C-alpha atoms as a PDB file:
ATOM      1  CA  MET A   1     -31.902 125.116 -46.134  1.00  0.00           C
ATOM      2  CA  THR A   2     -35.700 125.109 -46.255  1.00  0.00           C
ATOM      3  CA  SER A   3     -37.481 124.908 -42.917  1.00  0.00           C
ATOM      4  CA  LEU A   4     -40.854 123.455 -42.048  1.00  0.00           C
ATOM      5  CA  VAL A   5     -43.079 126.065 -40.457  1.00  0.00           C
ATOM      6  CA  GLY A   6     -46.424 124.343 -40.070  1.00  0.00           C
ATOM      7  CA  VAL A   7     -49.002 121.953 -41.389  1.00  0.00           C
ATOM      8  CA  CYS A   8     -51.964 123.094 -43.443  1.00  0.00           C
ATOM      9  CA  SER A   9     -55.483 121.685 -43.297  1.00  0.00           C
ATOM     10  CA  MET A  10     -54.643 119.072 -45.951  1.00  0.00           C
ATOM     11  CA  GLY A  11     -51.834 117.636 -43.867  1.00  0.00           C
ATOM     12  CA  ASP A  12     -49.181 118.809 -46.347  1.00  0.00           C
ATOM     13  CA  PRO A  13     -46.216 120.757 -44.980  1.00  0.00           C
ATOM     14  CA  GLN A  14     -46.139 124.478 -45.587  1.00  0.00           C
ATOM     15  CA  LEU A  15     -42.570 125.318 -46.467  1.00  0.00           C
ATOM     16  CA  LEU A  16     -41.238 128.797 -45.744  1.00  0.00           C
ATOM     17  CA  MET A  17     -38.429 129.644 -48.120  1.00  0.00           C
ATOM     18  CA  ALA A  18     -36.716 131.986 -45.655  1.00  0.00           C
ATOM     19  CA  ASP A  19     -33.244 131.641 -47.134  1.00  0.00           C
ATOM     20  CA  ASP A  20     -33.975 130.185 -50.557  1.00  0.00           C
ATOM     21  CA  PRO A  21     -34.283 132.274 -53.730  1.00  0.00           C
ATOM     22  CA  PRO A  22     -37.759 133.319 -54.884  1.00  0.00           C
ATOM     23  CA  ILE A  23     -39.598 131.083 -57.317  1.00  0.00           C
ATOM     24  CA  ARG A  24     -40.537 132.895 -60.519  1.00  0.00           C
ATOM     25  CA  VAL A  25     -43.843 131.636 -61.919  1.00  0.00           C
ATOM     26  CA  GLY A  26     -44.947 131.933 -65.524  1.00  0.00           C
ATOM     27  CA  ILE A  27     -48.510 131.473 -66.757  1.00  0.00           C
ATOM     28  CA  ILE A  28     -49.606 130.083 -70.116  1.00  0.00           C
ATOM     29  CA  GLY A  29     -53.198 130.933 -70.999  1.00  0.00           C
ATOM     30  CA  LEU A  30     -55.034 133.965 -69.643  1.00  0.00           C
ATOM     31  CA  ASP A  31     -58.565 132.884 -70.542  1.00  0.00           C
ATOM     32  CA  THR A  32     -59.769 131.518 -67.200  1.00  0.00           C
ATOM     33  CA  SER A  33     -60.689 133.120 -63.899  1.00  0.00           C
ATOM     34  CA  HIS A  34     -58.069 130.917 -62.229  1.00  0.00           C
ATOM     35  CA  VAL A  35     -55.267 133.158 -63.489  1.00  0.00           C
ATOM     36  CA  SER A  36     -56.475 136.229 -61.631  1.00  0.00           C
ATOM     37  CA  VAL A  37     -57.343 134.236 -58.495  1.00  0.00           C
ATOM     38  CA  PHE A  38     -53.961 132.485 -58.393  1.00  0.00           C
ATOM     39  CA  THR A  39     -51.990 135.652 -59.169  1.00  0.00           C
ATOM     40  CA  LYS A  40     -53.786 137.629 -56.454  1.00  0.00           C
ATOM     41  CA  LEU A  41     -53.004 134.882 -53.933  1.00  0.00           C
ATOM     42  CA  LEU A  42     -49.328 134.649 -54.883  1.00  0.00           C
ATOM     43  CA  ASN A  43     -48.472 138.300 -55.496  1.00  0.00           C
ATOM     44  CA  ARG A  44     -50.064 139.992 -52.499  1.00  0.00           C
ATOM     45  CA  GLU A  45     -47.567 142.017 -50.488  1.00  0.00           C
ATOM     46  CA  ASP A  46     -48.948 141.013 -47.087  1.00  0.00           C
ATOM     47  CA  GLN A  47     -48.727 137.272 -47.731  1.00  0.00           C
ATOM     48  CA  GLN A  48     -50.735 135.384 -45.103  1.00  0.00           C
ATOM     49  CA  HIS A  49     -49.860 131.834 -46.168  1.00  0.00           C
ATOM     50  CA  ALA A  50     -46.392 130.595 -45.320  1.00  0.00           C
ATOM     51  CA  ALA A  51     -46.381 128.124 -48.214  1.00  0.00           C
ATOM     52  CA  LEU A  52     -46.958 130.936 -50.704  1.00  0.00           C
ATOM     53  CA  LYS A  53     -44.113 133.203 -49.599  1.00  0.00           C
ATOM     54  CA  ASN A  54     -41.451 133.952 -52.208  1.00  0.00           C
ATOM     55  CA  VAL A  55     -43.523 132.417 -55.007  1.00  0.00           C
ATOM     56  CA  LYS A  56     -44.479 135.152 -57.485  1.00  0.00           C
ATOM     57  CA  VAL A  57     -46.113 135.281 -60.893  1.00  0.00           C
ATOM     58  CA  VAL A  58     -43.729 137.387 -62.980  1.00  0.00           C
ATOM     59  CA  ALA A  59     -44.709 136.782 -66.615  1.00  0.00           C
ATOM     60  CA  ALA A  60     -47.579 135.397 -68.671  1.00  0.00           C
ATOM     61  CA  PHE A  61     -48.379 134.444 -72.247  1.00  0.00           C
ATOM     62  CA  PRO A  62     -52.083 135.083 -72.988  1.00  0.00           C
ATOM     63  CA  GLY A  63     -52.492 132.326 -75.587  1.00  0.00           C
ATOM     64  CA  GLY A  64     -56.181 131.744 -76.203  1.00  0.00           C
ATOM     65  CA  ASN A  65     -58.256 130.063 -78.891  1.00  0.00           C
ATOM     66  CA  PRO A  66     -60.529 132.274 -81.050  1.00  0.00           C
ATOM     67  CA  SER A  67     -62.591 129.193 -81.978  1.00  0.00           C
ATOM     68  CA  PHE A  68     -63.382 128.410 -78.326  1.00  0.00           C
ATOM     69  CA  PRO A  69     -66.043 130.864 -77.052  1.00  0.00           C
ATOM     70  CA  LEU A  70     -65.040 130.719 -73.387  1.00  0.00           C
ATOM     71  CA  SER A  71     -61.508 131.599 -74.437  1.00  0.00           C
ATOM     72  CA  LYS A  72     -62.289 134.247 -77.034  1.00  0.00           C
ATOM     73  CA  ASP A  73     -64.811 136.061 -74.845  1.00  0.00           C
ATOM     74  CA  ARG A  74     -62.632 136.225 -71.720  1.00  0.00           C
ATOM     75  CA  LEU A  75     -59.035 136.524 -72.914  1.00  0.00           C
ATOM     76  CA  ASP A  76     -58.774 140.322 -73.058  1.00  0.00           C
ATOM     77  CA  GLY A  77     -60.424 140.853 -69.681  1.00  0.00           C
ATOM     78  CA  PHE A  78     -58.252 138.446 -67.737  1.00  0.00           C
ATOM     79  CA  THR A  79     -55.123 139.644 -69.545  1.00  0.00           C
ATOM     80  CA  LYS A  80     -55.845 143.181 -68.343  1.00  0.00           C
ATOM     81  CA  GLU A  81     -56.446 141.932 -64.786  1.00  0.00           C
ATOM     82  CA  VAL A  82     -53.167 140.011 -64.664  1.00  0.00           C
ATOM     83  CA  ARG A  83     -51.186 142.893 -66.189  1.00  0.00           C
ATOM     84  CA  ALA A  84     -52.632 145.211 -63.541  1.00  0.00           C
ATOM     85  CA  LEU A  85     -51.243 142.883 -60.879  1.00  0.00           C
ATOM     86  CA  GLY A  86     -47.702 143.648 -62.043  1.00  0.00           C
ATOM     87  CA  VAL A  87     -47.186 140.686 -64.360  1.00  0.00           C
ATOM     88  CA  THR A  88     -45.248 141.137 -67.597  1.00  0.00           C
ATOM     89  CA  ILE A  89     -47.236 140.030 -70.641  1.00  0.00           C
ATOM     90  CA  VAL A  90     -45.164 138.302 -73.350  1.00  0.00           C
ATOM     91  CA  ASN A  91     -45.908 137.259 -76.926  1.00  0.00           C
ATOM     92  CA  SER A  92     -44.988 133.570 -76.929  1.00  0.00           C
ATOM     93  CA  ILE A  93     -44.100 130.574 -74.788  1.00  0.00           C
ATOM     94  CA  ASP A  94     -40.526 130.781 -76.068  1.00  0.00           C
ATOM     95  CA  GLU A  95     -40.323 134.346 -74.801  1.00  0.00           C
ATOM     96  CA  LEU A  96     -41.810 133.333 -71.446  1.00  0.00           C
ATOM     97  CA  LEU A  97     -39.582 130.394 -70.512  1.00  0.00           C
ATOM     98  CA  PRO A  98     -36.197 132.144 -70.000  1.00  0.00           C
ATOM     99  CA  HIS A  99     -37.752 134.440 -67.389  1.00  0.00           C
ATOM    100  CA  VAL A 100     -39.447 131.830 -65.163  1.00  0.00           C
ATOM    101  CA  ASP A 101     -38.530 128.839 -63.024  1.00  0.00           C
ATOM    102  CA  VAL A 102     -41.885 127.036 -63.085  1.00  0.00           C
ATOM    103  CA  VAL A 103     -45.090 127.196 -65.108  1.00  0.00           C
ATOM    104  CA  LEU A 104     -48.840 127.229 -64.532  1.00  0.00           C
ATOM    105  CA  LEU A 105     -50.504 125.967 -67.712  1.00  0.00           C
ATOM    106  CA  GLU A 106     -53.961 127.522 -67.399  1.00  0.00           C
ATOM    107  CA  SER A 107     -55.423 127.563 -70.921  1.00  0.00           C
ATOM    108  CA  VAL A 108     -59.148 126.932 -70.634  1.00  0.00           C
ATOM    109  CA  ASP A 109     -59.170 124.824 -73.811  1.00  0.00           C
ATOM    110  CA  GLY A 110     -57.712 121.403 -73.035  1.00  0.00           C
ATOM    111  CA  THR A 111     -57.096 120.670 -76.715  1.00  0.00           C
ATOM    112  CA  GLN A 112     -54.148 123.102 -76.504  1.00  0.00           C
ATOM    113  CA  HIS A 113     -52.451 121.537 -73.494  1.00  0.00           C
ATOM    114  CA  LEU A 114     -50.200 118.972 -75.171  1.00  0.00           C
ATOM    115  CA  ALA A 115     -48.779 121.509 -77.630  1.00  0.00           C
ATOM    116  CA  GLN A 116     -48.301 124.096 -74.877  1.00  0.00           C
ATOM    117  CA  ALA A 117     -46.819 121.649 -72.370  1.00  0.00           C
ATOM    118  CA  ARG A 118     -44.272 120.283 -74.838  1.00  0.00           C
ATOM    119  CA  PRO A 119     -41.878 123.291 -74.923  1.00  0.00           C
ATOM    120  CA  VAL A 120     -42.171 123.688 -71.135  1.00  0.00           C
ATOM    121  CA  ILE A 121     -41.200 120.064 -70.543  1.00  0.00           C
ATOM    122  CA  GLU A 122     -38.426 120.216 -73.142  1.00  0.00           C
ATOM    123  CA  ALA A 123     -37.059 123.251 -71.275  1.00  0.00           C
ATOM    124  CA  GLY A 124     -37.055 121.232 -68.042  1.00  0.00           C
ATOM    125  CA  LYS A 125     -39.498 123.513 -66.205  1.00  0.00           C
ATOM    126  CA  PRO A 126     -41.764 121.917 -63.548  1.00  0.00           C
ATOM    127  CA  LEU A 127     -45.386 122.619 -64.381  1.00  0.00           C
ATOM    128  CA  PHE A 128     -48.898 122.435 -63.030  1.00  0.00           C
ATOM    129  CA  ILE A 129     -51.539 121.762 -65.691  1.00  0.00           C
ATOM    130  CA  ASP A 130     -54.962 123.041 -64.733  1.00  0.00           C
ATOM    131  CA  LYS A 131     -58.114 121.113 -65.534  1.00  0.00           C
ATOM    132  CA  PRO A 132     -58.510 119.374 -67.804  1.00  0.00           C
ATOM    133  CA  LEU A 133     -55.111 117.770 -68.252  1.00  0.00           C
ATOM    134  CA  ALA A 134     -56.068 117.263 -71.884  1.00  0.00           C
ATOM    135  CA  ALA A 135     -59.070 116.866 -74.157  1.00  0.00           C
ATOM    136  CA  SER A 136     -58.293 113.225 -74.937  1.00  0.00           C
ATOM    137  CA  LEU A 137     -56.781 110.273 -73.138  1.00  0.00           C
ATOM    138  CA  ALA A 138     -54.179 110.005 -75.904  1.00  0.00           C
ATOM    139  CA  ASP A 139     -52.979 113.571 -75.236  1.00  0.00           C
ATOM    140  CA  ALA A 140     -52.927 112.935 -71.475  1.00  0.00           C
ATOM    141  CA  LEU A 141     -50.714 109.880 -71.995  1.00  0.00           C
ATOM    142  CA  ALA A 142     -48.457 111.824 -74.380  1.00  0.00           C
ATOM    143  CA  ILE A 143     -47.897 114.544 -71.771  1.00  0.00           C
ATOM    144  CA  ALA A 144     -47.059 111.948 -69.108  1.00  0.00           C
ATOM    145  CA  ASP A 145     -44.705 110.074 -71.436  1.00  0.00           C
ATOM    146  CA  LEU A 146     -42.870 113.218 -72.507  1.00  0.00           C
ATOM    147  CA  ALA A 147     -42.432 114.340 -68.889  1.00  0.00           C
ATOM    148  CA  ALA A 148     -41.158 110.896 -67.876  1.00  0.00           C
ATOM    149  CA  LYS A 149     -38.689 110.848 -70.774  1.00  0.00           C
ATOM    150  CA  ARG A 150     -37.346 114.274 -69.796  1.00  0.00           C
ATOM    151  CA  ASN A 151     -37.593 113.573 -66.046  1.00  0.00           C
ATOM    152  CA  VAL A 152     -39.634 116.744 -65.538  1.00  0.00           C
ATOM    153  CA  PRO A 153     -42.020 116.922 -62.542  1.00  0.00           C
ATOM    154  CA  TRP A 154     -45.632 117.833 -63.259  1.00  0.00           C
ATOM    155  CA  PHE A 155     -49.101 117.358 -61.903  1.00  0.00           C
ATOM    156  CA  THR A 156     -52.740 118.118 -62.540  1.00  0.00           C
ATOM    157  CA  ALA A 157     -55.655 118.199 -60.126  1.00  0.00           C
ATOM    158  CA  SER A 158     -59.004 119.770 -59.443  1.00  0.00           C
ATOM    159  CA  SER A 159     -59.300 122.105 -56.487  1.00  0.00           C
ATOM    160  CA  SER A 160     -61.916 119.650 -55.181  1.00  0.00           C
ATOM    161  CA  ARG A 161     -59.157 117.192 -54.302  1.00  0.00           C
ATOM    162  CA  PHE A 162     -57.666 119.600 -51.755  1.00  0.00           C
ATOM    163  CA  THR A 163     -60.775 121.383 -50.446  1.00  0.00           C
ATOM    164  CA  ALA A 164     -61.062 121.005 -46.675  1.00  0.00           C
ATOM    165  CA  GLY A 165     -63.502 118.314 -45.609  1.00  0.00           C
ATOM    166  CA  TYR A 166     -62.676 115.824 -48.352  1.00  0.00           C
ATOM    167  CA  PRO A 167     -59.050 114.719 -47.729  1.00  0.00           C
ATOM    168  CA  GLU A 168     -59.951 114.082 -44.084  1.00  0.00           C
ATOM    169  CA  LEU A 169     -62.391 111.359 -45.174  1.00  0.00           C
ATOM    170  CA  ARG A 170     -59.580 109.072 -46.302  1.00  0.00           C
ATOM    171  CA  LYS A 171     -58.404 108.296 -42.783  1.00  0.00           C
ATOM    172  CA  ASN A 172     -61.341 108.630 -40.436  1.00  0.00           C
ATOM    173  CA  ASP A 173     -61.940 106.361 -37.461  1.00  0.00           C
ATOM    174  CA  GLN A 174     -65.700 106.879 -37.699  1.00  0.00           C
ATOM    175  CA  ILE A 175     -65.731 105.785 -41.348  1.00  0.00           C
ATOM    176  CA  GLY A 176     -63.144 103.012 -41.238  1.00  0.00           C
ATOM    177  CA  ASP A 177     -62.093 101.429 -44.520  1.00  0.00           C
ATOM    178  CA  ILE A 178     -63.701 103.074 -47.556  1.00  0.00           C
ATOM    179  CA  LEU A 179     -65.846 100.412 -49.222  1.00  0.00           C
ATOM    180  CA  GLY A 180     -67.547 102.690 -51.747  1.00  0.00           C
ATOM    181  CA  CYS A 181     -68.135 106.316 -52.664  1.00  0.00           C
ATOM    182  CA  ASP A 182     -70.614 108.449 -54.595  1.00  0.00           C
ATOM    183  CA  THR A 183     -69.586 111.923 -55.764  1.00  0.00           C
ATOM    184  CA  TYR A 184     -71.357 114.635 -57.741  1.00  0.00           C
ATOM    185  CA  SER A 185     -70.556 117.968 -59.329  1.00  0.00           C
ATOM    186  CA  GLN A 186     -71.734 120.382 -61.966  1.00  0.00           C
ATOM    187  CA  SER A 187     -70.955 119.315 -65.513  1.00  0.00           C
ATOM    188  CA  ARG A 188     -70.582 121.483 -68.597  1.00  0.00           C
ATOM    189  CA  ALA A 189     -69.778 120.155 -72.046  1.00  0.00           C
ATOM    190  CA  ALA A 190     -67.203 122.024 -74.131  1.00  0.00           C
ATOM    191  CA  ILE A 191     -66.282 122.101 -77.804  1.00  0.00           C
ATOM    192  CA  GLY A 192     -63.669 119.501 -78.663  1.00  0.00           C
ATOM    193  CA  HIS A 193     -63.865 117.702 -75.299  1.00  0.00           C
ATOM    194  CA  PRO A 194     -65.577 114.449 -74.318  1.00  0.00           C
ATOM    195  CA  ASP A 195     -68.605 115.288 -72.184  1.00  0.00           C
ATOM    196  CA  LEU A 196     -67.001 114.823 -68.762  1.00  0.00           C
ATOM    197  CA  PHE A 197     -63.432 115.955 -69.467  1.00  0.00           C
ATOM    198  CA  TRP A 198     -63.895 119.706 -69.242  1.00  0.00           C
ATOM    199  CA  TYR A 199     -65.927 120.045 -66.031  1.00  0.00           C
ATOM    200  CA  GLY A 200     -66.959 116.614 -64.823  1.00  0.00           C
ATOM    201  CA  VAL A 201     -63.321 116.053 -63.921  1.00  0.00           C
ATOM    202  CA  HIS A 202     -63.921 118.000 -60.687  1.00  0.00           C
ATOM    203  CA  GLY A 203     -66.218 115.340 -59.276  1.00  0.00           C
ATOM    204  CA  ILE A 204     -64.270 112.410 -60.714  1.00  0.00           C
ATOM    205  CA  ASP A 205     -60.991 113.697 -59.271  1.00  0.00           C
ATOM    206  CA  LEU A 206     -62.789 113.803 -55.919  1.00  0.00           C
ATOM    207  CA  LEU A 207     -63.949 110.211 -56.450  1.00  0.00           C
ATOM    208  CA  TYR A 208     -60.340 109.114 -57.011  1.00  0.00           C
ATOM    209  CA  LEU A 209     -59.115 111.030 -53.983  1.00  0.00           C
ATOM    210  CA  LEU A 210     -61.396 108.816 -51.887  1.00  0.00           C
ATOM    211  CA  MET A 211     -61.331 105.509 -53.783  1.00  0.00           C
ATOM    212  CA  GLY A 212     -57.780 105.465 -55.105  1.00  0.00           C
ATOM    213  CA  THR A 213     -56.718 103.616 -58.254  1.00  0.00           C
ATOM    214  CA  GLY A 214     -57.774 100.171 -59.354  1.00  0.00           C
ATOM    215  CA  CYS A 215     -61.001 100.748 -61.285  1.00  0.00           C
ATOM    216  CA  GLU A 216     -61.469  98.024 -63.906  1.00  0.00           C
ATOM    217  CA  THR A 217     -64.694  98.980 -65.710  1.00  0.00           C
ATOM    218  CA  ALA A 218     -66.956 102.002 -66.103  1.00  0.00           C
ATOM    219  CA  THR A 219     -70.618 102.032 -67.090  1.00  0.00           C
ATOM    220  CA  ALA A 220     -72.351 105.274 -68.103  1.00  0.00           C
ATOM    221  CA  VAL A 221     -75.920 106.440 -68.595  1.00  0.00           C
ATOM    222  CA  GLN A 222     -76.744 109.902 -69.921  1.00  0.00           C
ATOM    223  CA  THR A 223     -80.027 111.833 -70.000  1.00  0.00           C
ATOM    224  CA  HIS A 224     -80.933 115.467 -70.557  1.00  0.00           C
ATOM    225  CA  TYR A 225     -80.503 116.125 -66.836  1.00  0.00           C
ATOM    226  CA  THR A 226     -77.522 114.097 -65.795  1.00  0.00           C
ATOM    227  CA  GLU A 227     -74.797 111.637 -66.598  1.00  0.00           C
ATOM    228  CA  PHE A 228     -74.202 108.805 -64.147  1.00  0.00           C
ATOM    229  CA  VAL A 229     -71.035 106.708 -64.227  1.00  0.00           C
ATOM    230  CA  THR A 230     -70.498 103.588 -62.117  1.00  0.00           C
ATOM    231  CA  GLY A 231     -67.017 102.178 -61.702  1.00  0.00           C
ATOM    232  CA  ARG A 232     -66.126  98.731 -60.438  1.00  0.00           C
ATOM    233  CA  TRP A 233     -62.769  98.441 -58.700  1.00  0.00           C
ATOM    234  CA  LYS A 234     -60.629  95.302 -58.821  1.00  0.00           C
ATOM    235  CA  ASP A 235     -61.279  94.636 -55.127  1.00  0.00           C
ATOM    236  CA  ASN A 236     -65.053  94.650 -55.866  1.00  0.00           C
ATOM    237  CA  ARG A 237     -65.633  98.113 -54.415  1.00  0.00           C
ATOM    238  CA  VAL A 238     -67.994 100.351 -56.379  1.00  0.00           C
ATOM    239  CA  GLY A 239     -67.647 104.102 -56.887  1.00  0.00           C
ATOM    240  CA  SER A 240     -69.992 106.360 -58.821  1.00  0.00           C
ATOM    241  CA  TYR A 241     -70.088 109.888 -60.192  1.00  0.00           C
ATOM    242  CA  ARG A 242     -73.203 111.961 -60.956  1.00  0.00           C
ATOM    243  CA  ALA A 243     -72.721 114.843 -63.408  1.00  0.00           C
ATOM    244  CA  ILE A 244     -75.459 117.450 -62.959  1.00  0.00           C
ATOM    245  CA  ARG A 245     -76.035 119.270 -66.217  1.00  0.00           C
ATOM    246  CA  GLU A 246     -75.807 123.047 -66.034  1.00  0.00           C
ATOM    247  CA  HIS A 247     -79.221 124.800 -65.899  1.00  0.00           C
ATOM    248  CA  THR A 248     -81.134 121.532 -65.371  1.00  0.00           C
ATOM    249  CA  GLY A 249     -81.169 121.476 -61.574  1.00  0.00           C
ATOM    250  CA  LYS A 250     -79.404 122.426 -58.371  1.00  0.00           C
ATOM    251  CA  THR A 251     -75.680 121.856 -58.724  1.00  0.00           C
ATOM    252  CA  GLY A 252     -72.861 121.644 -56.223  1.00  0.00           C
ATOM    253  CA  LEU A 253     -69.974 119.459 -55.149  1.00  0.00           C
ATOM    254  CA  GLY A 254     -70.184 116.610 -52.685  1.00  0.00           C
ATOM    255  CA  ALA A 255     -69.287 113.075 -51.690  1.00  0.00           C
ATOM    256  CA  THR A 256     -70.919 110.274 -49.731  1.00  0.00           C
ATOM    257  CA  VAL A 257     -68.437 107.767 -48.369  1.00  0.00           C
ATOM    258  CA  PHE A 258     -69.528 104.281 -47.344  1.00  0.00           C
ATOM    259  CA  GLY A 259     -67.146 102.813 -44.787  1.00  0.00           C
ATOM    260  CA  SER A 260     -66.708  99.673 -42.734  1.00  0.00           C
ATOM    261  CA  LYS A 261     -67.725 101.637 -39.620  1.00  0.00           C
ATOM    262  CA  GLY A 262     -69.922 104.455 -40.862  1.00  0.00           C
ATOM    263  CA  ILE A 263     -71.355 106.542 -43.687  1.00  0.00           C
ATOM    264  CA  THR A 264     -70.515 110.222 -44.090  1.00  0.00           C
ATOM    265  CA  HIS A 265     -71.634 112.913 -46.504  1.00  0.00           C
ATOM    266  CA  VAL A 266     -69.685 116.125 -47.175  1.00  0.00           C
ATOM    267  CA  ASN A 267     -71.046 118.997 -49.247  1.00  0.00           C
ATOM    268  CA  GLN A 268     -68.293 121.603 -49.519  1.00  0.00           C
ATOM    269  CA  TYR A 269     -67.713 123.812 -52.565  1.00  0.00           C
ATOM    270  CA  TYR A 270     -64.333 124.444 -54.170  1.00  0.00           C
ATOM    271  CA  ASP A 271     -61.649 126.301 -52.246  1.00  0.00           C
ATOM    272  CA  TYR A 272     -58.705 127.464 -54.352  1.00  0.00           C
ATOM    273  CA  VAL A 273     -56.317 128.258 -51.491  1.00  0.00           C
ATOM    274  CA  PRO A 274     -55.470 124.622 -50.588  1.00  0.00           C
ATOM    275  CA  LEU A 275     -54.821 123.894 -54.275  1.00  0.00           C
ATOM    276  CA  VAL A 276     -52.426 126.843 -54.565  1.00  0.00           C
ATOM    277  CA  VAL A 277     -50.686 125.675 -51.374  1.00  0.00           C
ATOM    278  CA  ALA A 278     -50.279 122.235 -52.955  1.00  0.00           C
ATOM    279  CA  ILE A 279     -48.924 123.787 -56.161  1.00  0.00           C
ATOM    280  CA  CYS A 280     -46.348 125.879 -54.303  1.00  0.00           C
ATOM    281  CA  THR A 281     -45.268 122.905 -52.214  1.00  0.00           C
ATOM    282  CA  PHE A 282     -44.860 120.946 -55.452  1.00  0.00           C
ATOM    283  CA  PHE A 283     -42.767 123.725 -56.997  1.00  0.00           C
ATOM    284  CA  ARG A 284     -40.411 123.541 -54.019  1.00  0.00           C
ATOM    285  CA  THR A 285     -40.210 119.789 -53.527  1.00  0.00           C
ATOM    286  CA  ARG A 286     -40.554 118.797 -57.203  1.00  0.00           C
ATOM    287  CA  LYS A 287     -42.817 115.961 -55.990  1.00  0.00           C
ATOM    288  CA  SER A 288     -46.366 115.642 -57.248  1.00  0.00           C
ATOM    289  CA  PRO A 289     -49.017 115.320 -54.527  1.00  0.00           C
ATOM    290  CA  VAL A 290     -50.922 112.961 -56.855  1.00  0.00           C
ATOM    291  CA  PRO A 291     -49.296 109.816 -58.321  1.00  0.00           C
ATOM    292  CA  VAL A 292     -49.006 109.810 -62.111  1.00  0.00           C
ATOM    293  CA  ASP A 293     -50.936 106.547 -62.441  1.00  0.00           C
ATOM    294  CA  GLU A 294     -53.828 108.094 -60.507  1.00  0.00           C
ATOM    295  CA  MET A 295     -53.884 111.255 -62.613  1.00  0.00           C
ATOM    296  CA  LEU A 296     -54.035 109.148 -65.771  1.00  0.00           C
ATOM    297  CA  GLU A 297     -56.646 106.719 -64.437  1.00  0.00           C
ATOM    298  CA  VAL A 298     -59.002 109.642 -63.809  1.00  0.00           C
ATOM    299  CA  PHE A 299     -58.974 110.303 -67.557  1.00  0.00           C
ATOM    300  CA  ALA A 300     -59.180 106.612 -68.427  1.00  0.00           C
ATOM    301  CA  TYR A 301     -62.333 106.428 -66.275  1.00  0.00           C
ATOM    302  CA  MET A 302     -63.884 109.304 -68.222  1.00  0.00           C
ATOM    303  CA  ALA A 303     -62.798 107.850 -71.566  1.00  0.00           C
ATOM    304  CA  ALA A 304     -64.322 104.478 -70.641  1.00  0.00           C
ATOM    305  CA  ALA A 305     -67.544 106.265 -69.650  1.00  0.00           C
ATOM    306  CA  GLU A 306     -67.644 107.955 -73.055  1.00  0.00           C
ATOM    307  CA  GLU A 307     -67.160 104.613 -74.798  1.00  0.00           C
ATOM    308  CA  SER A 308     -69.836 103.021 -72.614  1.00  0.00           C
ATOM    309  CA  LYS A 309     -72.348 105.634 -73.797  1.00  0.00           C
ATOM    310  CA  ARG A 310     -71.451 104.936 -77.427  1.00  0.00           C
ATOM    311  CA  ARG A 311     -72.120 101.237 -76.848  1.00  0.00           C
ATOM    312  CA  GLY A 312     -75.480 101.789 -75.208  1.00  0.00           C
ATOM    313  CA  GLY A 313     -74.466 101.666 -71.560  1.00  0.00           C
ATOM    314  CA  VAL A 314     -72.434  98.459 -71.332  1.00  0.00           C
ATOM    315  CA  PRO A 315     -69.396  98.193 -69.020  1.00  0.00           C
ATOM    316  CA  VAL A 316     -66.120  99.208 -70.691  1.00  0.00           C
ATOM    317  CA  ALA A 317     -62.702  98.215 -69.386  1.00  0.00           C
ATOM    318  CA  LEU A 318     -60.292 101.035 -68.564  1.00  0.00           C
ATOM    319  CA  ALA A 319     -57.469  98.839 -69.855  1.00  0.00           C
ATOM    320  CA  GLU A 320     -59.183  98.735 -73.260  1.00  0.00           C
ATOM    321  CA  VAL A 321     -59.412 102.507 -73.654  1.00  0.00           C
ATOM    322  CA  MET A 322     -55.838 102.918 -72.389  1.00  0.00           C
ATOM    323  CA  GLN A 323     -54.623 100.448 -75.035  1.00  0.00           C
ATOM    324  CA  LYS A 324     -56.552 102.220 -77.796  1.00  0.00           C
ATOM    325  CA  ALA A 325     -55.247 105.621 -76.690  1.00  0.00           C
ATOM    326  CA  ARG A 326     -51.653 104.413 -76.741  1.00  0.00           C
ATOM    327  CA  ALA A 327     -52.175 102.896 -80.203  1.00  0.00           C
END
């Protein structure tokens, strides 16, 4: 039986698997710094985090995309780092799956995620899909549909969603009910991805952490320096996201929450540890910390913003882009 041993800063239980078998983790995609960070956290011998005990990265498939510069230029280096941490490097996803219980899909190129997630889901392995979930709303929906059909647990999230300082804003007596929210983060465009999908998702995931689902329309304006997206929720609340273009100004991560009792601003940069705690808790409980409809609405918001730009900055309904993606 698994025992509760404490509560982390996010309010999620840290589960110590004292008498349960170890969880063997496999990684797909060794072309992002996340793979070395996550492996170092999970595979350290003097584990300091109760939630991470008995969860080990044992094998990895490098993957990569030679047509995607940030993959091609980093794949060899991160593969060497992960191998040096005691992880077995394999030649394919098919070779990986028999040796692992769960999967971290880490490929930096979101256009690969649907194809790489498919065999994992068909094998019944729970998986975490790192940002972005996909490079199109259609692919994001296809992943969710396949997982639902196979009854396989999965989730995706930015580390911003779990970074200390932000989750605490949701239930705060000094703020009261959240009536609106403005978030911002660095934004980088990437080949094959809509402008916000690859990096803007960090700030938009934070927006959804605080506002929840229910956005009906998104309106976007883009300049050389920034992209600004305003969403109108069905209860008439308004939430916005400011994407700060790389090399055009000071970047960061933050949120201003407008409440019925007060206004609060938090400026706290990403912390990977709470995300890894959430992933390990998910691997044990098989329950996503983020509802599926919320994960998908994040990408519908970004897809509606992209369509709004194409139409000259008019509001675009999230339901419209969802319908087109499913078609």
